[in-house]
Amino acid sequence: MQIKLLLILNFISQVEMANLMRSNGKIYVVVAVISIIFLGIIFFLIRIDSKIRKIEKRNEE
């Protein structure tokens, strides 16, 4: 019973935190930072893939 109550209280506090961040406009900053990090990782993986392809082609010859 206590665990369920703690889980419910934890969920409510997370929702309140999200509402607070939305009301302050900080949620957009969080979304922007996560998006930039995600795009950076994608760009990095694409560059690494192209470099690996070049090395593989060079080794085939």
C-alpha atoms as a PDB file:
ATOM      1  CA  MET A   1       0.000   0.000   0.000  1.00  0.00           C
ATOM      2  CA  GLN A   2       2.788   2.420   0.895  1.00  0.00           C
ATOM      3  CA  ILE A   3       4.648   1.665  -2.333  1.00  0.00           C
ATOM      4  CA  LYS A   4       1.565   2.484  -4.413  1.00  0.00           C
ATOM      5  CA  LEU A   5       1.115   5.737  -2.527  1.00  0.00           C
ATOM      6  CA  LEU A   6       4.760   6.656  -3.076  1.00  0.00           C
ATOM      7  CA  LEU A   7       4.477   5.888  -6.795  1.00  0.00           C
ATOM      8  CA  ILE A   8       1.361   8.027  -7.092  1.00  0.00           C
ATOM      9  CA  LEU A   9       2.986  10.908  -5.210  1.00  0.00           C
ATOM     10  CA  ASN A  10       6.099  10.607  -7.361  1.00  0.00           C
ATOM     11  CA  PHE A  11       3.998  10.735 -10.542  1.00  0.00           C
ATOM     12  CA  ILE A  12       2.080  13.774  -9.303  1.00  0.00           C
ATOM     13  CA  SER A  13       5.293  15.599  -8.436  1.00  0.00           C
ATOM     14  CA  GLN A  14       6.715  14.870 -11.900  1.00  0.00           C
ATOM     15  CA  VAL A  15       3.581  16.251 -13.528  1.00  0.00           C
ATOM     16  CA  GLU A  16       3.774  19.372 -11.368  1.00  0.00           C
ATOM     17  CA  MET A  17       7.432  19.816 -12.329  1.00  0.00           C
ATOM     18  CA  ALA A  18       6.538  19.505 -16.025  1.00  0.00           C
ATOM     19  CA  ASN A  19       3.735  22.040 -15.613  1.00  0.00           C
ATOM     20  CA  LEU A  20       6.094  24.410 -13.803  1.00  0.00           C
ATOM     21  CA  MET A  21       8.704  24.087 -16.567  1.00  0.00           C
ATOM     22  CA  ARG A  22       6.052  24.683 -19.225  1.00  0.00           C
ATOM     23  CA  SER A  23       4.740  27.746 -17.442  1.00  0.00           C
ATOM     24  CA  ASN A  24       8.264  29.199 -17.143  1.00  0.00           C
ATOM     25  CA  GLY A  25       9.092  28.352 -20.752  1.00  0.00           C
ATOM     26  CA  LYS A  26      12.052  26.238 -19.665  1.00  0.00           C
ATOM     27  CA  ILE A  27      10.610  23.102 -21.262  1.00  0.00           C
ATOM     28  CA  TYR A  28      11.472  24.587 -24.654  1.00  0.00           C
ATOM     29  CA  VAL A  29      15.081  25.003 -23.574  1.00  0.00           C
ATOM     30  CA  VAL A  30      15.195  21.368 -22.473  1.00  0.00           C
ATOM     31  CA  VAL A  31      13.662  20.215 -25.764  1.00  0.00           C
ATOM     32  CA  ALA A  32      16.112  22.376 -27.744  1.00  0.00           C
ATOM     33  CA  VAL A  33      19.148  21.030 -25.877  1.00  0.00           C
ATOM     34  CA  ILE A  34      18.024  17.423 -26.282  1.00  0.00           C
ATOM     35  CA  SER A  35      17.370  18.037 -29.990  1.00  0.00           C
ATOM     36  CA  ILE A  36      20.823  19.555 -30.501  1.00  0.00           C
ATOM     37  CA  ILE A  37      22.469  16.631 -28.727  1.00  0.00           C
ATOM     38  CA  PHE A  38      20.459  14.144 -30.787  1.00  0.00           C
ATOM     39  CA  LEU A  39      21.326  15.890 -34.065  1.00  0.00           C
ATOM     40  CA  GLY A  40      24.983  16.000 -33.062  1.00  0.00           C
ATOM     41  CA  ILE A  41      24.996  12.262 -32.434  1.00  0.00           C
ATOM     42  CA  ILE A  42      23.314  11.606 -35.804  1.00  0.00           C
ATOM     43  CA  PHE A  43      25.857  13.835 -37.591  1.00  0.00           C
ATOM     44  CA  PHE A  44      28.738  12.092 -35.805  1.00  0.00           C
ATOM     45  CA  LEU A  45      27.452   8.633 -36.774  1.00  0.00           C
ATOM     46  CA  ILE A  46      27.027   9.647 -40.418  1.00  0.00           C
ATOM     47  CA  ARG A  47      30.602  11.005 -40.543  1.00  0.00           C
ATOM     48  CA  ILE A  48      32.009   7.882 -38.921  1.00  0.00           C
ATOM     49  CA  ASP A  49      30.068   5.714 -41.385  1.00  0.00           C
ATOM     50  CA  SER A  50      31.455   7.587 -44.389  1.00  0.00           C
ATOM     51  CA  LYS A  51      35.005   7.345 -43.031  1.00  0.00           C
ATOM     52  CA  ILE A  52      34.617   3.607 -42.460  1.00  0.00           C
ATOM     53  CA  ARG A  53      33.321   3.162 -46.024  1.00  0.00           C
ATOM     54  CA  LYS A  54      36.385   4.991 -47.386  1.00  0.00           C
ATOM     55  CA  ILE A  55      38.720   2.785 -45.360  1.00  0.00           C
ATOM     56  CA  GLU A  56      36.890  -0.371 -46.480  1.00  0.00           C
ATOM     57  CA  LYS A  57      37.128   0.663 -50.155  1.00  0.00           C
ATOM     58  CA  ARG A  58      40.825   1.409 -49.749  1.00  0.00           C
ATOM     59  CA  ASN A  59      41.412  -2.012 -48.167  1.00  0.00           C
ATOM     60  CA  GLU A  60      39.536  -3.815 -50.987  1.00  0.00           C
ATOM     61  CA  GLU A  61      41.920  -2.391 -53.596  1.00  0.00           C
END
